[in-house]
Amino acid sequence: MFVSANVYEGMPARLYRSPCEIRRDMTRISKQIKEADEMLSIRNILVEMISECSEGEPSKWIPELEEIVCEARQSLERLNRLSVALDSLSTELSETLCAVGRI
């Protein structure tokens, strides 16, 4: 969407994505966050794994636990990046709506 310049207010001509496009991206990212959150029930994973492995020697299942923790950290980093992207899209949507006079 193109918004022409407004010399009176000192606004240059700008090109904006449509609110519909921005909302579509926000919905997609929100869905990814929800899916990742559902898969990342680390407490349940650890409790289940410990109960299965507790009969064996810790030296055998500790590396597996370390791998799960590493994957959980990576998932958390991804969730944080998705959250930042969602915040950016929210800001973009607000600016777009303001620019087209809907706010």
N, C-alpha and C. Protein backbone atom coordinates (compact mmCIF):
# COMPACT_ATOMS: atom_id res chain seq x y z
N MET A 1 0.86 -1.15 0.00
CA MET A 1 0.00 0.00 0.00
C MET A 1 0.91 1.23 0.00
N PHE A 2 0.63 2.15 -0.88
CA PHE A 2 1.44 3.36 -1.02
C PHE A 2 0.70 4.54 -0.39
N VAL A 3 1.42 5.27 0.46
CA VAL A 3 0.88 6.49 1.06
C VAL A 3 1.71 7.64 0.51
N SER A 4 1.04 8.57 -0.15
CA SER A 4 1.78 9.68 -0.76
C SER A 4 2.27 10.67 0.28
N ALA A 5 3.21 11.48 -0.15
CA ALA A 5 3.84 12.45 0.74
C ALA A 5 2.84 13.51 1.20
N ASN A 6 3.08 14.00 2.40
CA ASN A 6 2.28 15.09 2.94
C ASN A 6 3.27 16.17 3.35
N VAL A 7 3.45 17.16 2.48
CA VAL A 7 4.42 18.22 2.71
C VAL A 7 4.06 19.04 3.94
N TYR A 8 2.78 19.25 4.18
CA TYR A 8 2.32 20.04 5.32
C TYR A 8 2.77 19.43 6.64
N GLU A 9 2.66 18.09 6.75
CA GLU A 9 3.04 17.40 7.98
C GLU A 9 4.48 16.88 7.93
N GLY A 10 5.15 17.06 6.82
CA GLY A 10 6.54 16.61 6.70
C GLY A 10 6.68 15.11 6.58
N MET A 11 5.68 14.45 6.02
CA MET A 11 5.70 12.99 5.88
C MET A 11 6.11 12.63 4.46
N PRO A 12 7.18 11.84 4.28
CA PRO A 12 7.57 11.43 2.94
C PRO A 12 6.63 10.34 2.42
N ALA A 13 6.69 10.11 1.13
CA ALA A 13 5.91 9.01 0.54
C ALA A 13 6.46 7.70 1.10
N ARG A 14 5.57 6.76 1.41
CA ARG A 14 5.98 5.49 1.99
C ARG A 14 5.20 4.34 1.38
N LEU A 15 5.82 3.19 1.45
CA LEU A 15 5.18 1.97 0.99
C LEU A 15 4.94 1.08 2.21
N TYR A 16 3.70 0.69 2.43
CA TYR A 16 3.33 -0.14 3.58
C TYR A 16 2.73 -1.45 3.08
N ARG A 17 2.94 -2.51 3.88
CA ARG A 17 2.21 -3.74 3.60
C ARG A 17 0.78 -3.54 4.09
N SER A 18 -0.13 -4.29 3.55
CA SER A 18 -1.51 -4.13 3.97
C SER A 18 -1.70 -4.72 5.37
N PRO A 19 -2.66 -4.18 6.13
CA PRO A 19 -2.94 -4.74 7.46
C PRO A 19 -3.26 -6.23 7.40
N CYS A 20 -3.91 -6.64 6.32
CA CYS A 20 -4.26 -8.06 6.15
C CYS A 20 -2.99 -8.92 6.06
N GLU A 21 -2.00 -8.45 5.32
CA GLU A 21 -0.73 -9.19 5.20
C GLU A 21 -0.02 -9.27 6.55
N ILE A 22 -0.01 -8.18 7.27
CA ILE A 22 0.67 -8.15 8.56
C ILE A 22 -0.04 -9.07 9.55
N ARG A 23 -1.36 -9.02 9.57
CA ARG A 23 -2.13 -9.89 10.48
C ARG A 23 -1.92 -11.35 10.12
N ARG A 24 -1.81 -11.67 8.83
CA ARG A 24 -1.57 -13.05 8.40
C ARG A 24 -0.24 -13.54 8.97
N ASP A 25 0.79 -12.69 8.89
CA ASP A 25 2.09 -13.05 9.45
C ASP A 25 2.02 -13.20 10.97
N MET A 26 1.27 -12.33 11.62
CA MET A 26 1.13 -12.41 13.08
C MET A 26 0.43 -13.71 13.47
N THR A 27 -0.59 -14.09 12.73
CA THR A 27 -1.30 -15.33 13.01
C THR A 27 -0.39 -16.53 12.83
N ARG A 28 0.41 -16.51 11.76
CA ARG A 28 1.34 -17.61 11.49
C ARG A 28 2.36 -17.73 12.61
N ILE A 29 2.92 -16.63 13.07
CA ILE A 29 3.92 -16.66 14.14
C ILE A 29 3.28 -17.08 15.46
N SER A 30 2.09 -16.58 15.73
CA SER A 30 1.38 -16.98 16.97
C SER A 30 1.15 -18.49 16.98
N LYS A 31 0.80 -19.04 15.83
CA LYS A 31 0.57 -20.48 15.72
C LYS A 31 1.87 -21.24 15.98
N GLN A 32 2.99 -20.75 15.45
CA GLN A 32 4.29 -21.39 15.67
C GLN A 32 4.67 -21.34 17.15
N ILE A 33 4.40 -20.22 17.79
CA ILE A 33 4.69 -20.09 19.22
C ILE A 33 3.87 -21.10 20.02
N LYS A 34 2.61 -21.21 19.69
CA LYS A 34 1.73 -22.14 20.40
C LYS A 34 2.20 -23.58 20.21
N GLU A 35 2.57 -23.95 18.98
CA GLU A 35 3.03 -25.31 18.71
C GLU A 35 4.32 -25.60 19.46
N ALA A 36 5.25 -24.65 19.45
CA ALA A 36 6.52 -24.85 20.15
C ALA A 36 6.30 -24.95 21.65
N ASP A 37 5.40 -24.15 22.17
CA ASP A 37 5.11 -24.17 23.60
C ASP A 37 4.51 -25.52 24.00
N GLU A 38 3.64 -26.05 23.17
CA GLU A 38 3.02 -27.35 23.46
C GLU A 38 4.05 -28.48 23.43
N MET A 39 5.00 -28.39 22.51
CA MET A 39 6.01 -29.44 22.40
C MET A 39 7.06 -29.31 23.48
N LEU A 40 7.19 -28.15 24.08
CA LEU A 40 8.27 -27.88 25.01
C LEU A 40 7.83 -28.04 26.46
N SER A 41 7.24 -29.14 26.75
CA SER A 41 6.90 -29.41 28.14
C SER A 41 8.07 -30.16 28.74
N ILE A 42 9.14 -29.44 29.00
CA ILE A 42 10.40 -30.04 29.44
C ILE A 42 10.25 -30.78 30.76
N ARG A 43 9.44 -30.27 31.63
CA ARG A 43 9.26 -30.93 32.93
C ARG A 43 8.70 -32.33 32.72
N ASN A 44 7.67 -32.45 31.89
CA ASN A 44 7.07 -33.76 31.63
C ASN A 44 8.07 -34.69 30.95
N ILE A 45 8.85 -34.16 30.02
CA ILE A 45 9.85 -34.98 29.33
C ILE A 45 10.87 -35.52 30.33
N LEU A 46 11.37 -34.63 31.19
CA LEU A 46 12.39 -35.04 32.16
C LEU A 46 11.84 -36.04 33.17
N VAL A 47 10.65 -35.79 33.67
CA VAL A 47 10.07 -36.71 34.66
C VAL A 47 9.87 -38.09 34.03
N GLU A 48 9.38 -38.10 32.81
CA GLU A 48 9.16 -39.38 32.12
C GLU A 48 10.48 -40.10 31.88
N MET A 49 11.47 -39.36 31.45
CA MET A 49 12.76 -39.97 31.16
C MET A 49 13.43 -40.48 32.42
N ILE A 50 13.39 -39.69 33.48
CA ILE A 50 14.02 -40.10 34.73
C ILE A 50 13.35 -41.35 35.29
N SER A 51 12.03 -41.41 35.18
CA SER A 51 11.35 -42.59 35.69
C SER A 51 11.69 -43.83 34.87
N GLU A 52 11.92 -43.66 33.58
CA GLU A 52 12.30 -44.79 32.73
C GLU A 52 13.74 -45.22 32.97
N CYS A 53 14.61 -44.26 33.20
CA CYS A 53 16.04 -44.54 33.27
C CYS A 53 16.57 -44.66 34.69
N SER A 54 15.78 -44.35 35.68
CA SER A 54 16.29 -44.28 37.05
C SER A 54 16.81 -45.63 37.55
N GLU A 55 16.35 -46.71 36.95
CA GLU A 55 16.80 -48.02 37.40
C GLU A 55 18.22 -48.32 36.91
N GLY A 56 18.62 -47.67 35.83
CA GLY A 56 19.96 -47.90 35.28
C GLY A 56 20.99 -47.01 35.93
N GLU A 57 22.18 -47.05 35.39
CA GLU A 57 23.26 -46.23 35.91
C GLU A 57 23.16 -44.81 35.36
N PRO A 58 23.35 -43.80 36.22
CA PRO A 58 23.26 -42.41 35.77
C PRO A 58 24.22 -42.08 34.64
N SER A 59 25.38 -42.71 34.62
CA SER A 59 26.35 -42.41 33.57
C SER A 59 25.81 -42.73 32.18
N LYS A 60 24.80 -43.57 32.11
CA LYS A 60 24.22 -43.93 30.82
C LYS A 60 23.14 -42.95 30.38
N TRP A 61 22.37 -42.38 31.32
CA TRP A 61 21.26 -41.51 30.91
C TRP A 61 21.52 -40.04 31.10
N ILE A 62 22.60 -39.67 31.77
CA ILE A 62 22.93 -38.24 31.93
C ILE A 62 23.22 -37.58 30.58
N PRO A 63 23.98 -38.22 29.67
CA PRO A 63 24.19 -37.58 28.36
C PRO A 63 22.88 -37.32 27.61
N GLU A 64 21.93 -38.23 27.76
CA GLU A 64 20.63 -38.03 27.11
C GLU A 64 19.89 -36.84 27.72
N LEU A 65 19.97 -36.72 29.05
CA LEU A 65 19.36 -35.56 29.72
C LEU A 65 20.02 -34.27 29.27
N GLU A 66 21.35 -34.27 29.12
CA GLU A 66 22.06 -33.08 28.66
C GLU A 66 21.61 -32.69 27.25
N GLU A 67 21.38 -33.69 26.41
CA GLU A 67 20.91 -33.41 25.05
C GLU A 67 19.51 -32.81 25.07
N ILE A 68 18.65 -33.31 25.94
CA ILE A 68 17.29 -32.77 26.06
C ILE A 68 17.35 -31.32 26.53
N VAL A 69 18.21 -31.03 27.50
CA VAL A 69 18.35 -29.67 28.00
C VAL A 69 18.86 -28.75 26.89
N CYS A 70 19.81 -29.23 26.10
CA CYS A 70 20.33 -28.43 24.98
C CYS A 70 19.23 -28.13 23.98
N GLU A 71 18.43 -29.13 23.64
CA GLU A 71 17.32 -28.93 22.71
C GLU A 71 16.29 -27.96 23.30
N ALA A 72 16.06 -28.05 24.59
CA ALA A 72 15.11 -27.14 25.24
C ALA A 72 15.62 -25.71 25.18
N ARG A 73 16.92 -25.53 25.36
CA ARG A 73 17.49 -24.18 25.26
C ARG A 73 17.34 -23.62 23.85
N GLN A 74 17.59 -24.47 22.86
CA GLN A 74 17.43 -24.04 21.47
C GLN A 74 15.98 -23.66 21.18
N SER A 75 15.06 -24.45 21.70
CA SER A 75 13.64 -24.15 21.52
C SER A 75 13.26 -22.83 22.19
N LEU A 76 13.81 -22.60 23.36
CA LEU A 76 13.55 -21.35 24.07
C LEU A 76 14.07 -20.16 23.28
N GLU A 77 15.26 -20.30 22.70
CA GLU A 77 15.81 -19.23 21.87
C GLU A 77 14.91 -18.97 20.66
N ARG A 78 14.41 -20.03 20.06
CA ARG A 78 13.50 -19.88 18.92
C ARG A 78 12.21 -19.18 19.34
N LEU A 79 11.68 -19.57 20.49
CA LEU A 79 10.48 -18.91 21.01
C LEU A 79 10.73 -17.43 21.24
N ASN A 80 11.89 -17.09 21.77
CA ASN A 80 12.21 -15.68 21.99
C ASN A 80 12.28 -14.92 20.67
N ARG A 81 12.90 -15.54 19.65
CA ARG A 81 12.98 -14.88 18.34
C ARG A 81 11.58 -14.70 17.74
N LEU A 82 10.73 -15.70 17.90
CA LEU A 82 9.36 -15.58 17.39
C LEU A 82 8.60 -14.49 18.13
N SER A 83 8.83 -14.39 19.42
CA SER A 83 8.17 -13.34 20.21
C SER A 83 8.61 -11.96 19.76
N VAL A 84 9.90 -11.79 19.50
CA VAL A 84 10.42 -10.51 19.01
C VAL A 84 9.81 -10.20 17.64
N ALA A 85 9.73 -11.21 16.78
CA ALA A 85 9.13 -11.00 15.45
C ALA A 85 7.67 -10.60 15.58
N LEU A 86 6.95 -11.20 16.51
CA LEU A 86 5.55 -10.86 16.72
C LEU A 86 5.41 -9.43 17.21
N ASP A 87 6.28 -9.01 18.10
CA ASP A 87 6.27 -7.62 18.58
C ASP A 87 6.54 -6.64 17.44
N SER A 88 7.49 -7.00 16.57
CA SER A 88 7.82 -6.14 15.42
C SER A 88 6.63 -6.02 14.48
N LEU A 89 5.95 -7.14 14.26
CA LEU A 89 4.76 -7.10 13.39
C LEU A 89 3.65 -6.27 14.01
N SER A 90 3.51 -6.35 15.32
CA SER A 90 2.51 -5.55 16.01
C SER A 90 2.79 -4.06 15.83
N THR A 91 4.06 -3.69 15.95
CA THR A 91 4.46 -2.29 15.74
C THR A 91 4.20 -1.88 14.30
N GLU A 92 4.56 -2.75 13.37
CA GLU A 92 4.33 -2.46 11.95
C GLU A 92 2.85 -2.27 11.67
N LEU A 93 2.01 -3.11 12.25
CA LEU A 93 0.57 -2.98 12.04
C LEU A 93 0.05 -1.67 12.60
N SER A 94 0.49 -1.30 13.79
CA SER A 94 0.06 -0.03 14.38
C SER A 94 0.47 1.15 13.52
N GLU A 95 1.72 1.13 13.04
CA GLU A 95 2.19 2.22 12.18
C GLU A 95 1.42 2.29 10.87
N THR A 96 1.12 1.13 10.31
CA THR A 96 0.37 1.09 9.05
C THR A 96 -1.04 1.62 9.25
N LEU A 97 -1.70 1.17 10.30
CA LEU A 97 -3.06 1.64 10.56
C LEU A 97 -3.07 3.14 10.81
N CYS A 98 -2.08 3.63 11.51
CA CYS A 98 -1.98 5.08 11.76
C CYS A 98 -1.76 5.83 10.45
N ALA A 99 -0.89 5.31 9.60
CA ALA A 99 -0.56 5.97 8.34
C ALA A 99 -1.75 6.04 7.40
N VAL A 100 -2.61 5.05 7.45
CA VAL A 100 -3.77 5.05 6.55
C VAL A 100 -4.99 5.67 7.22
N GLY A 101 -4.79 6.18 8.43
CA GLY A 101 -5.85 6.92 9.10
C GLY A 101 -6.91 6.09 9.77
N ARG A 102 -6.58 4.85 10.17
CA ARG A 102 -7.57 3.99 10.83
C ARG A 102 -7.50 4.08 12.34
N ILE A 103 -6.53 4.81 12.85
CA ILE A 103 -6.43 4.95 14.32
C ILE A 103 -6.78 6.36 14.71
